Amino acid sequence: TISRASARFGKAVTCIDAKSPYHRKMAAVDALAAWNRLHALAGTQFGLFTATQAGRHGIAHHDLSRRAQGGELYRAHRGVYGFSADAADMCPYADWAGRWLALRPGADIAERRTNPDCIVSHDSAASIRDLGTLPSRGLYLTGPRLVTSSSRIHAYRREFGPLGIDWELLDGFPVATAGRIIADLAGDRIDGS
């Protein structure tokens, strides 16, 4: 078809209809590729991804909501999703993972694991490490900067030492070492008895 503007100025420019079968097919291919990239990303971070990360792959918030309502995705936390087909393979701490990802939804997971802004601490870390019988009272995080707290995230503002001294990477999380856990629990007078 020739556009009216080009015909008006005497130029014969051919425009392809944006709703042509070719364009619909290419849009579907691009969308599938975006979902595949997002699925691969989720595989590197507890089986989850954030809405911010989805947006970077060209996936709109309304697409996430629509797929969550349709059962293809599930909400792990506000702004954090997982693929329903992969739910059986989720890490045992998926709720904590969702909350941890939501703290910095646009951050690179590899950077957060090598240079963490906060570490899993106190009884949450003891639970991940399977230390003792102390039941976890929620997700406990420790970091040098203020971390947003809620009824399910308990934050401590403290410095922590380097990898191998105060924390280690365990199950994808930066987790306090056993010695750091004991010091934190003793400092807060929590002994599990």
N, C-alpha and C. Protein backbone atom coordinates (compact mmCIF):
# COMPACT_ATOMS: atom_id res chain seq x y z
N THR A 1 0.84 -1.19 0.00
CA THR A 1 0.00 0.00 0.00
C THR A 1 0.88 1.24 0.00
N ILE A 2 0.38 2.29 -0.55
CA ILE A 2 1.10 3.56 -0.56
C ILE A 2 0.48 4.45 0.49
N SER A 3 1.31 5.00 1.35
CA SER A 3 0.78 5.86 2.40
C SER A 3 0.25 7.15 1.80
N ARG A 4 -0.73 7.75 2.47
CA ARG A 4 -1.33 9.00 1.99
C ARG A 4 -0.31 10.13 1.98
N ALA A 5 0.56 10.17 3.01
CA ALA A 5 1.54 11.25 3.08
C ALA A 5 2.50 11.19 1.90
N SER A 6 2.96 9.99 1.54
CA SER A 6 3.89 9.89 0.42
C SER A 6 3.19 10.20 -0.89
N ALA A 7 1.93 9.81 -1.05
CA ALA A 7 1.19 10.13 -2.27
C ALA A 7 0.95 11.62 -2.38
N ARG A 8 0.72 12.29 -1.27
CA ARG A 8 0.47 13.72 -1.24
C ARG A 8 1.68 14.50 -1.70
N PHE A 9 2.87 14.02 -1.38
CA PHE A 9 4.09 14.72 -1.75
C PHE A 9 4.69 14.18 -3.04
N GLY A 10 3.95 13.33 -3.74
CA GLY A 10 4.40 12.83 -5.03
C GLY A 10 5.46 11.76 -4.96
N LYS A 11 5.68 11.18 -3.80
CA LYS A 11 6.67 10.12 -3.66
C LYS A 11 5.95 8.78 -3.58
N ALA A 12 6.43 7.84 -4.30
CA ALA A 12 5.83 6.50 -4.27
C ALA A 12 6.63 5.62 -3.33
N VAL A 13 6.32 5.69 -2.04
CA VAL A 13 6.99 4.89 -1.03
C VAL A 13 6.02 3.79 -0.60
N THR A 14 6.48 2.59 -0.60
CA THR A 14 5.63 1.47 -0.21
C THR A 14 5.80 1.23 1.29
N CYS A 15 4.70 1.13 1.97
CA CYS A 15 4.71 0.85 3.41
C CYS A 15 4.12 -0.53 3.63
N ILE A 16 4.71 -1.27 4.49
CA ILE A 16 4.19 -2.59 4.82
C ILE A 16 3.23 -2.44 5.98
N ASP A 17 2.07 -3.03 5.86
CA ASP A 17 1.07 -2.97 6.92
C ASP A 17 1.63 -3.62 8.18
N ALA A 18 1.60 -2.88 9.30
CA ALA A 18 2.17 -3.38 10.56
C ALA A 18 1.41 -4.59 11.09
N LYS A 19 0.20 -4.82 10.60
CA LYS A 19 -0.59 -5.97 11.06
C LYS A 19 -0.53 -7.11 10.07
N SER A 20 0.44 -7.11 9.22
CA SER A 20 0.56 -8.18 8.23
C SER A 20 0.93 -9.48 8.93
N PRO A 21 0.64 -10.61 8.30
CA PRO A 21 1.01 -11.91 8.90
C PRO A 21 2.51 -12.00 9.18
N TYR A 22 3.33 -11.42 8.32
CA TYR A 22 4.78 -11.44 8.53
C TYR A 22 5.15 -10.74 9.84
N HIS A 23 4.60 -9.54 10.06
CA HIS A 23 4.92 -8.80 11.27
C HIS A 23 4.40 -9.49 12.53
N ARG A 24 3.22 -10.09 12.44
CA ARG A 24 2.69 -10.82 13.59
C ARG A 24 3.59 -12.02 13.91
N LYS A 25 4.05 -12.70 12.87
CA LYS A 25 4.92 -13.85 13.08
C LYS A 25 6.25 -13.42 13.69
N MET A 26 6.83 -12.35 13.19
CA MET A 26 8.11 -11.86 13.73
C MET A 26 7.96 -11.37 15.17
N ALA A 27 6.84 -10.74 15.48
CA ALA A 27 6.59 -10.30 16.86
C ALA A 27 6.48 -11.52 17.78
N ALA A 28 5.84 -12.58 17.31
CA ALA A 28 5.71 -13.80 18.11
C ALA A 28 7.07 -14.45 18.32
N VAL A 29 7.92 -14.46 17.30
CA VAL A 29 9.27 -15.02 17.42
C VAL A 29 10.09 -14.21 18.42
N ASP A 30 10.00 -12.88 18.34
CA ASP A 30 10.72 -12.02 19.28
C ASP A 30 10.24 -12.24 20.71
N ALA A 31 8.93 -12.38 20.89
CA ALA A 31 8.37 -12.60 22.23
C ALA A 31 8.83 -13.94 22.78
N LEU A 32 8.83 -14.97 21.95
CA LEU A 32 9.28 -16.29 22.40
C LEU A 32 10.75 -16.25 22.81
N ALA A 33 11.56 -15.55 22.03
CA ALA A 33 12.98 -15.42 22.36
C ALA A 33 13.16 -14.69 23.69
N ALA A 34 12.36 -13.65 23.92
CA ALA A 34 12.44 -12.90 25.18
C ALA A 34 12.07 -13.79 26.36
N TRP A 35 11.00 -14.59 26.21
CA TRP A 35 10.60 -15.50 27.30
C TRP A 35 11.66 -16.57 27.53
N ASN A 36 12.29 -17.05 26.48
CA ASN A 36 13.36 -18.04 26.64
C ASN A 36 14.57 -17.45 27.37
N ARG A 37 14.93 -16.20 27.04
CA ARG A 37 16.03 -15.54 27.76
C ARG A 37 15.68 -15.36 29.23
N LEU A 38 14.44 -14.99 29.49
CA LEU A 38 13.99 -14.80 30.88
C LEU A 38 14.01 -16.12 31.63
N HIS A 39 13.61 -17.19 30.98
CA HIS A 39 13.62 -18.51 31.60
C HIS A 39 15.06 -18.92 31.94
N ALA A 40 15.98 -18.64 31.04
CA ALA A 40 17.40 -18.94 31.30
C ALA A 40 17.91 -18.11 32.47
N LEU A 41 17.54 -16.85 32.55
CA LEU A 41 17.94 -16.00 33.67
C LEU A 41 17.39 -16.55 34.98
N ALA A 42 16.13 -16.93 34.98
CA ALA A 42 15.51 -17.48 36.19
C ALA A 42 16.26 -18.72 36.67
N GLY A 43 16.75 -19.51 35.72
CA GLY A 43 17.50 -20.71 36.08
C GLY A 43 18.78 -20.42 36.85
N THR A 44 19.28 -19.19 36.77
CA THR A 44 20.50 -18.82 37.49
C THR A 44 20.22 -18.16 38.84
N GLN A 45 18.94 -17.89 39.13
CA GLN A 45 18.63 -17.18 40.37
C GLN A 45 17.37 -17.77 41.02
N PHE A 46 17.54 -18.96 41.54
CA PHE A 46 16.52 -19.64 42.34
C PHE A 46 15.27 -20.01 41.55
N GLY A 47 15.31 -19.96 40.23
CA GLY A 47 14.12 -20.22 39.42
C GLY A 47 13.19 -19.03 39.35
N LEU A 48 13.67 -17.85 39.78
CA LEU A 48 12.84 -16.65 39.85
C LEU A 48 13.41 -15.53 39.00
N PHE A 49 12.58 -14.56 38.69
CA PHE A 49 13.00 -13.34 38.00
C PHE A 49 12.14 -12.19 38.49
N THR A 50 12.63 -10.98 38.33
CA THR A 50 11.87 -9.81 38.77
C THR A 50 11.16 -9.17 37.58
N ALA A 51 10.13 -8.39 37.87
CA ALA A 51 9.42 -7.66 36.82
C ALA A 51 10.37 -6.69 36.13
N THR A 52 11.30 -6.12 36.86
CA THR A 52 12.29 -5.21 36.27
C THR A 52 13.14 -5.96 35.26
N GLN A 53 13.59 -7.15 35.60
CA GLN A 53 14.39 -7.96 34.67
C GLN A 53 13.55 -8.34 33.45
N ALA A 54 12.29 -8.67 33.65
CA ALA A 54 11.41 -9.00 32.52
C ALA A 54 11.28 -7.80 31.59
N GLY A 55 11.13 -6.61 32.17
CA GLY A 55 11.04 -5.40 31.37
C GLY A 55 12.26 -5.17 30.51
N ARG A 56 13.43 -5.51 31.05
CA ARG A 56 14.67 -5.38 30.28
C ARG A 56 14.71 -6.32 29.08
N HIS A 57 13.92 -7.38 29.16
CA HIS A 57 13.83 -8.34 28.05
C HIS A 57 12.65 -8.02 27.14
N GLY A 58 12.00 -6.89 27.37
CA GLY A 58 10.89 -6.46 26.51
C GLY A 58 9.54 -7.03 26.89
N ILE A 59 9.43 -7.56 28.09
CA ILE A 59 8.16 -8.14 28.53
C ILE A 59 7.48 -7.16 29.47
N ALA A 60 6.26 -6.79 29.12
CA ALA A 60 5.51 -5.78 29.87
C ALA A 60 4.89 -6.36 31.14
N HIS A 61 4.64 -5.48 32.11
CA HIS A 61 4.02 -5.90 33.38
C HIS A 61 2.68 -6.60 33.14
N HIS A 62 1.89 -6.07 32.19
CA HIS A 62 0.57 -6.69 31.96
C HIS A 62 0.71 -8.11 31.41
N ASP A 63 1.80 -8.40 30.68
CA ASP A 63 2.03 -9.77 30.21
C ASP A 63 2.33 -10.69 31.39
N LEU A 64 3.08 -10.18 32.38
CA LEU A 64 3.36 -10.98 33.57
C LEU A 64 2.07 -11.27 34.33
N SER A 65 1.26 -10.25 34.51
CA SER A 65 -0.01 -10.43 35.22
C SER A 65 -0.92 -11.42 34.49
N ARG A 66 -1.01 -11.27 33.18
CA ARG A 66 -1.87 -12.14 32.38
C ARG A 66 -1.39 -13.60 32.49
N ARG A 67 -0.10 -13.81 32.41
CA ARG A 67 0.43 -15.19 32.48
C ARG A 67 0.34 -15.75 33.90
N ALA A 68 0.44 -14.89 34.90
CA ALA A 68 0.25 -15.35 36.28
C ALA A 68 -1.21 -15.76 36.50
N GLN A 69 -2.14 -14.97 35.97
CA GLN A 69 -3.56 -15.32 36.10
C GLN A 69 -3.89 -16.59 35.34
N GLY A 70 -3.18 -16.82 34.23
CA GLY A 70 -3.40 -18.03 33.43
C GLY A 70 -2.70 -19.26 33.97
N GLY A 71 -1.87 -19.09 35.01
CA GLY A 71 -1.21 -20.23 35.63
C GLY A 71 0.16 -20.58 35.07
N GLU A 72 0.62 -19.85 34.06
CA GLU A 72 1.93 -20.13 33.49
C GLU A 72 3.05 -19.63 34.40
N LEU A 73 2.79 -18.54 35.12
CA LEU A 73 3.72 -17.98 36.10
C LEU A 73 3.06 -17.98 37.46
N TYR A 74 3.86 -17.86 38.50
CA TYR A 74 3.32 -17.64 39.84
C TYR A 74 4.10 -16.49 40.48
N ARG A 75 3.46 -15.80 41.38
CA ARG A 75 4.10 -14.70 42.10
C ARG A 75 4.78 -15.25 43.35
N ALA A 76 6.09 -15.08 43.41
CA ALA A 76 6.84 -15.50 44.60
C ALA A 76 6.83 -14.39 45.64
N HIS A 77 6.74 -13.18 45.17
CA HIS A 77 6.73 -11.98 46.01
C HIS A 77 6.27 -10.85 45.11
N ARG A 78 5.93 -9.71 45.67
CA ARG A 78 5.50 -8.60 44.82
C ARG A 78 6.64 -8.23 43.87
N GLY A 79 6.35 -8.32 42.56
CA GLY A 79 7.34 -7.98 41.56
C GLY A 79 8.34 -9.09 41.26
N VAL A 80 8.13 -10.28 41.82
CA VAL A 80 9.03 -11.42 41.60
C VAL A 80 8.17 -12.62 41.19
N TYR A 81 8.57 -13.25 40.09
CA TYR A 81 7.80 -14.34 39.51
C TYR A 81 8.67 -15.57 39.28
N GLY A 82 8.00 -16.70 39.12
CA GLY A 82 8.64 -17.93 38.73
C GLY A 82 7.78 -18.63 37.69
N PHE A 83 8.36 -19.54 36.94
CA PHE A 83 7.61 -20.32 35.95
C PHE A 83 6.94 -21.49 36.66
N SER A 84 5.63 -21.61 36.53
CA SER A 84 4.89 -22.66 37.22
C SER A 84 5.39 -24.06 36.89
N ALA A 85 5.80 -24.28 35.65
CA ALA A 85 6.29 -25.59 35.25
C ALA A 85 7.56 -25.99 36.01
N ASP A 86 8.30 -25.00 36.52
CA ASP A 86 9.54 -25.27 37.24
C ASP A 86 9.37 -25.27 38.75
N ALA A 87 8.15 -25.08 39.24
CA ALA A 87 7.92 -24.90 40.68
C ALA A 87 8.40 -26.09 41.50
N ALA A 88 8.29 -27.29 40.97
CA ALA A 88 8.72 -28.48 41.72
C ALA A 88 10.23 -28.50 41.95
N ASP A 89 10.96 -27.80 41.09
CA ASP A 89 12.42 -27.77 41.20
C ASP A 89 12.94 -26.55 41.95
N MET A 90 12.06 -25.81 42.59
CA MET A 90 12.46 -24.58 43.27
C MET A 90 13.37 -24.89 44.45
N CYS A 91 14.18 -23.92 44.80
CA CYS A 91 15.03 -24.08 45.98
C CYS A 91 14.13 -24.10 47.21
N PRO A 92 14.54 -24.75 48.28
CA PRO A 92 13.68 -24.87 49.46
C PRO A 92 13.40 -23.53 50.14
N TYR A 93 14.14 -22.51 49.78
CA TYR A 93 13.96 -21.20 50.40
C TYR A 93 13.46 -20.19 49.37
N ALA A 94 12.54 -20.62 48.52
CA ALA A 94 12.04 -19.77 47.43
C ALA A 94 11.39 -18.49 47.95
N ASP A 95 10.70 -18.57 49.08
CA ASP A 95 10.07 -17.38 49.65
C ASP A 95 11.15 -16.36 50.02
N TRP A 96 12.20 -16.82 50.67
CA TRP A 96 13.30 -15.92 51.03
C TRP A 96 14.01 -15.41 49.79
N ALA A 97 14.17 -16.28 48.80
CA ALA A 97 14.82 -15.87 47.55
C ALA A 97 14.04 -14.76 46.88
N GLY A 98 12.72 -14.90 46.85
CA GLY A 98 11.88 -13.85 46.26
C GLY A 98 12.01 -12.53 46.99
N ARG A 99 12.05 -12.59 48.29
CA ARG A 99 12.20 -11.36 49.09
C ARG A 99 13.58 -10.75 48.89
N TRP A 100 14.60 -11.59 48.82
CA TRP A 100 15.97 -11.10 48.62
C TRP A 100 16.10 -10.45 47.25
N LEU A 101 15.55 -11.07 46.21
CA LEU A 101 15.59 -10.50 44.86
C LEU A 101 14.82 -9.17 44.81
N ALA A 102 13.71 -9.09 45.51
CA ALA A 102 12.88 -7.88 45.49
C ALA A 102 13.57 -6.67 46.13
N LEU A 103 14.56 -6.92 46.98
CA LEU A 103 15.28 -5.80 47.60
C LEU A 103 16.00 -4.95 46.56
N ARG A 104 16.53 -5.58 45.53
CA ARG A 104 17.23 -4.88 44.44
C ARG A 104 16.83 -5.55 43.13
N PRO A 105 15.61 -5.27 42.64
CA PRO A 105 15.05 -6.01 41.51
C PRO A 105 15.79 -5.85 40.19
N GLY A 106 16.56 -4.80 40.04
CA GLY A 106 17.28 -4.61 38.79
C GLY A 106 18.74 -4.98 38.86
N ALA A 107 19.20 -5.40 40.02
CA ALA A 107 20.62 -5.69 40.22
C ALA A 107 21.03 -7.00 39.55
N ASP A 108 22.28 -7.06 39.17
CA ASP A 108 22.86 -8.26 38.59
C ASP A 108 23.09 -9.28 39.70
N ILE A 109 22.54 -10.48 39.52
CA ILE A 109 22.63 -11.50 40.56
C ILE A 109 24.07 -11.93 40.82
N ALA A 110 24.88 -12.01 39.78
CA ALA A 110 26.28 -12.41 39.97
C ALA A 110 27.01 -11.39 40.83
N GLU A 111 26.74 -10.12 40.63
CA GLU A 111 27.35 -9.06 41.44
C GLU A 111 26.89 -9.15 42.88
N ARG A 112 25.60 -9.40 43.08
CA ARG A 112 25.08 -9.52 44.45
C ARG A 112 25.66 -10.73 45.18
N ARG A 113 26.04 -11.74 44.41
CA ARG A 113 26.62 -12.93 45.04
C ARG A 113 28.10 -12.77 45.33
N THR A 114 28.82 -12.02 44.53
CA THR A 114 30.25 -11.85 44.76
C THR A 114 30.56 -10.65 45.64
N ASN A 115 29.72 -9.65 45.61
CA ASN A 115 29.90 -8.44 46.39
C ASN A 115 28.55 -8.08 47.02
N PRO A 116 28.11 -8.87 48.00
CA PRO A 116 26.74 -8.71 48.50
C PRO A 116 26.51 -7.40 49.25
N ASP A 117 25.30 -6.88 49.07
CA ASP A 117 24.87 -5.71 49.81
C ASP A 117 24.37 -6.11 51.20
N CYS A 118 23.97 -7.38 51.34
CA CYS A 118 23.55 -7.92 52.63
C CYS A 118 23.73 -9.43 52.57
N ILE A 119 23.81 -10.04 53.74
CA ILE A 119 23.95 -11.49 53.83
C ILE A 119 22.81 -12.06 54.66
N VAL A 120 22.45 -13.30 54.38
CA VAL A 120 21.45 -13.99 55.19
C VAL A 120 22.13 -14.30 56.52
N SER A 121 21.45 -13.96 57.62
CA SER A 121 22.09 -14.07 58.93
C SER A 121 21.14 -14.65 59.98
N HIS A 122 21.63 -14.70 61.20
CA HIS A 122 20.87 -15.13 62.37
C HIS A 122 20.23 -16.50 62.15
N ASP A 123 18.98 -16.67 62.60
CA ASP A 123 18.37 -17.99 62.51
C ASP A 123 18.03 -18.40 61.08
N SER A 124 17.91 -17.44 60.15
CA SER A 124 17.70 -17.78 58.74
C SER A 124 18.94 -18.50 58.21
N ALA A 125 20.10 -17.97 58.52
CA ALA A 125 21.36 -18.60 58.09
C ALA A 125 21.53 -19.96 58.77
N ALA A 126 21.15 -20.04 60.05
CA ALA A 126 21.24 -21.32 60.76
C ALA A 126 20.34 -22.36 60.10
N SER A 127 19.18 -21.94 59.64
CA SER A 127 18.27 -22.86 58.96
C SER A 127 18.85 -23.34 57.64
N ILE A 128 19.40 -22.44 56.84
CA ILE A 128 20.01 -22.83 55.56
C ILE A 128 21.18 -23.77 55.79
N ARG A 129 21.96 -23.51 56.84
CA ARG A 129 23.12 -24.35 57.15
C ARG A 129 22.75 -25.61 57.94
N ASP A 130 21.48 -25.71 58.32
CA ASP A 130 21.00 -26.85 59.11
C ASP A 130 21.75 -26.96 60.43
N LEU A 131 21.91 -25.81 61.10
CA LEU A 131 22.60 -25.75 62.40
C LEU A 131 21.57 -25.69 63.52
N GLY A 132 21.59 -26.65 64.38
CA GLY A 132 20.75 -26.62 65.57
C GLY A 132 19.28 -26.85 65.28
N THR A 133 18.48 -26.53 66.28
CA THR A 133 17.04 -26.76 66.20
C THR A 133 16.25 -25.46 66.28
N LEU A 134 16.92 -24.36 66.15
CA LEU A 134 16.27 -23.06 66.25
C LEU A 134 15.38 -22.83 65.03
N PRO A 135 14.06 -22.69 65.24
CA PRO A 135 13.19 -22.41 64.09
C PRO A 135 13.41 -20.98 63.60
N SER A 136 13.37 -20.82 62.31
CA SER A 136 13.55 -19.48 61.76
C SER A 136 12.31 -18.64 61.98
N ARG A 137 12.53 -17.40 62.34
CA ARG A 137 11.42 -16.48 62.61
C ARG A 137 11.18 -15.55 61.42
N GLY A 138 11.66 -15.91 60.26
CA GLY A 138 11.53 -15.06 59.07
C GLY A 138 12.89 -14.94 58.42
N LEU A 139 13.00 -14.03 57.46
CA LEU A 139 14.27 -13.80 56.78
C LEU A 139 15.05 -12.72 57.51
N TYR A 140 16.24 -13.10 57.98
CA TYR A 140 17.13 -12.16 58.66
C TYR A 140 18.28 -11.81 57.73
N LEU A 141 18.51 -10.52 57.58
CA LEU A 141 19.57 -10.01 56.73
C LEU A 141 20.44 -9.05 57.51
N THR A 142 21.71 -9.06 57.23
CA THR A 142 22.66 -8.13 57.83
C THR A 142 23.43 -7.46 56.71
N GLY A 143 23.56 -6.15 56.83
CA GLY A 143 24.32 -5.41 55.83
C GLY A 143 24.80 -4.07 56.36
N PRO A 144 25.80 -3.50 55.71
CA PRO A 144 26.35 -2.23 56.18
C PRO A 144 25.45 -1.03 55.93
N ARG A 145 24.49 -1.18 55.00
CA ARG A 145 23.54 -0.11 54.72
C ARG A 145 22.15 -0.57 55.13
N LEU A 146 21.28 0.37 55.31
CA LEU A 146 19.91 0.07 55.71
C LEU A 146 19.23 -0.80 54.66
N VAL A 147 18.62 -1.88 55.11
CA VAL A 147 17.84 -2.78 54.26
C VAL A 147 16.39 -2.60 54.68
N THR A 148 15.51 -2.51 53.72
CA THR A 148 14.10 -2.34 54.01
C THR A 148 13.59 -3.52 54.82
N SER A 149 13.02 -3.23 55.97
CA SER A 149 12.46 -4.28 56.83
C SER A 149 10.95 -4.36 56.62
N SER A 150 10.41 -5.50 56.96
CA SER A 150 8.96 -5.69 56.93
C SER A 150 8.63 -6.71 58.00
N SER A 151 7.39 -7.14 58.03
CA SER A 151 7.02 -8.13 59.05
C SER A 151 7.72 -9.47 58.81
N ARG A 152 8.19 -9.71 57.57
CA ARG A 152 8.84 -10.98 57.27
C ARG A 152 10.32 -10.84 56.95
N ILE A 153 10.82 -9.60 56.89
CA ILE A 153 12.25 -9.38 56.70
C ILE A 153 12.76 -8.58 57.89
N HIS A 154 13.71 -9.15 58.58
CA HIS A 154 14.30 -8.50 59.75
C HIS A 154 15.72 -8.10 59.37
N ALA A 155 16.02 -6.84 59.49
CA ALA A 155 17.31 -6.35 59.01
C ALA A 155 18.16 -5.81 60.14
N TYR A 156 19.45 -6.12 60.05
CA TYR A 156 20.45 -5.61 60.98
C TYR A 156 21.44 -4.78 60.19
N ARG A 157 21.73 -3.63 60.71
CA ARG A 157 22.71 -2.76 60.04
C ARG A 157 24.05 -2.95 60.74
N ARG A 158 24.87 -3.79 60.14
CA ARG A 158 26.20 -4.10 60.67
C ARG A 158 27.13 -4.38 59.51
N GLU A 159 28.38 -4.09 59.71
CA GLU A 159 29.41 -4.46 58.73
C GLU A 159 29.61 -5.97 58.80
N PHE A 160 30.00 -6.56 57.72
CA PHE A 160 30.40 -7.96 57.73
C PHE A 160 31.70 -8.09 56.95
N GLY A 161 32.46 -9.11 57.33
CA GLY A 161 33.77 -9.32 56.73
C GLY A 161 33.71 -9.95 55.35
N PRO A 162 34.86 -10.31 54.82
CA PRO A 162 34.94 -10.83 53.45
C PRO A 162 34.45 -12.28 53.33
N LEU A 163 34.31 -12.70 52.08
CA LEU A 163 33.95 -14.07 51.75
C LEU A 163 34.91 -15.03 52.44
N GLY A 164 34.35 -16.05 53.08
CA GLY A 164 35.16 -17.05 53.76
C GLY A 164 35.39 -16.73 55.22
N ILE A 165 35.26 -15.49 55.61
CA ILE A 165 35.43 -15.10 57.02
C ILE A 165 34.06 -14.96 57.68
N ASP A 166 33.22 -14.08 57.16
CA ASP A 166 31.89 -13.85 57.73
C ASP A 166 30.76 -14.42 56.90
N TRP A 167 31.01 -14.76 55.65
CA TRP A 167 29.95 -15.29 54.81
C TRP A 167 30.52 -16.20 53.72
N GLU A 168 29.63 -17.05 53.21
CA GLU A 168 29.95 -17.95 52.10
C GLU A 168 28.72 -18.03 51.20
N LEU A 169 28.93 -18.40 49.97
CA LEU A 169 27.82 -18.59 49.05
C LEU A 169 27.28 -20.00 49.26
N LEU A 170 26.01 -20.10 49.61
CA LEU A 170 25.40 -21.39 49.91
C LEU A 170 23.98 -21.39 49.35
N ASP A 171 23.65 -22.36 48.54
CA ASP A 171 22.33 -22.44 47.89
C ASP A 171 21.97 -21.17 47.14
N GLY A 172 22.98 -20.49 46.62
CA GLY A 172 22.74 -19.28 45.84
C GLY A 172 22.67 -18.00 46.65
N PHE A 173 22.68 -18.12 47.97
CA PHE A 173 22.61 -16.96 48.86
C PHE A 173 23.99 -16.66 49.45
N PRO A 174 24.28 -15.40 49.72
CA PRO A 174 25.42 -15.09 50.58
C PRO A 174 24.96 -15.32 52.02
N VAL A 175 25.49 -16.34 52.66
CA VAL A 175 25.02 -16.77 53.98
C VAL A 175 26.14 -16.63 55.00
N ALA A 176 25.77 -16.16 56.18
CA ALA A 176 26.74 -16.02 57.28
C ALA A 176 27.38 -17.36 57.60
N THR A 177 28.66 -17.32 57.97
CA THR A 177 29.36 -18.54 58.38
C THR A 177 28.84 -18.97 59.75
N ALA A 178 29.16 -20.20 60.13
CA ALA A 178 28.70 -20.72 61.42
C ALA A 178 29.17 -19.83 62.57
N GLY A 179 30.43 -19.40 62.53
CA GLY A 179 30.95 -18.52 63.59
C GLY A 179 30.21 -17.20 63.65
N ARG A 180 29.89 -16.63 62.51
CA ARG A 180 29.16 -15.36 62.46
C ARG A 180 27.73 -15.54 62.99
N ILE A 181 27.12 -16.69 62.66
CA ILE A 181 25.76 -16.98 63.13
C ILE A 181 25.75 -17.06 64.65
N ILE A 182 26.71 -17.78 65.22
CA ILE A 182 26.78 -17.92 66.68
C ILE A 182 26.98 -16.56 67.34
N ALA A 183 27.86 -15.75 66.79
CA ALA A 183 28.09 -14.42 67.34
C ALA A 183 26.83 -13.56 67.25
N ASP A 184 26.13 -13.61 66.11
CA ASP A 184 24.90 -12.82 65.94
C ASP A 184 23.82 -13.26 66.92
N LEU A 185 23.60 -14.57 67.03
CA LEU A 185 22.56 -15.07 67.94
C LEU A 185 22.91 -14.80 69.39
N ALA A 186 24.18 -14.96 69.74
CA ALA A 186 24.60 -14.68 71.13
C ALA A 186 24.45 -13.19 71.42
N GLY A 187 24.82 -12.35 70.45
CA GLY A 187 24.69 -10.91 70.62
C GLY A 187 23.24 -10.47 70.81
N ASP A 188 22.33 -11.22 70.21
CA ASP A 188 20.91 -10.90 70.36
C ASP A 188 20.24 -11.77 71.42
N ARG A 189 21.08 -12.54 72.16
CA ARG A 189 20.60 -13.42 73.24
C ARG A 189 19.53 -14.40 72.78
N ILE A 190 19.78 -15.01 71.61
CA ILE A 190 18.89 -16.04 71.08
C ILE A 190 19.69 -17.34 71.09
N ASP A 191 19.23 -18.31 71.86
CA ASP A 191 19.98 -19.57 71.94
C ASP A 191 19.15 -20.80 71.61
N GLY A 192 17.89 -20.60 71.28
CA GLY A 192 17.05 -21.74 70.90
C GLY A 192 16.49 -22.54 72.05
N SER A 193 16.77 -22.12 73.28
CA SER A 193 16.23 -22.90 74.41
C SER A 193 14.97 -22.27 74.95
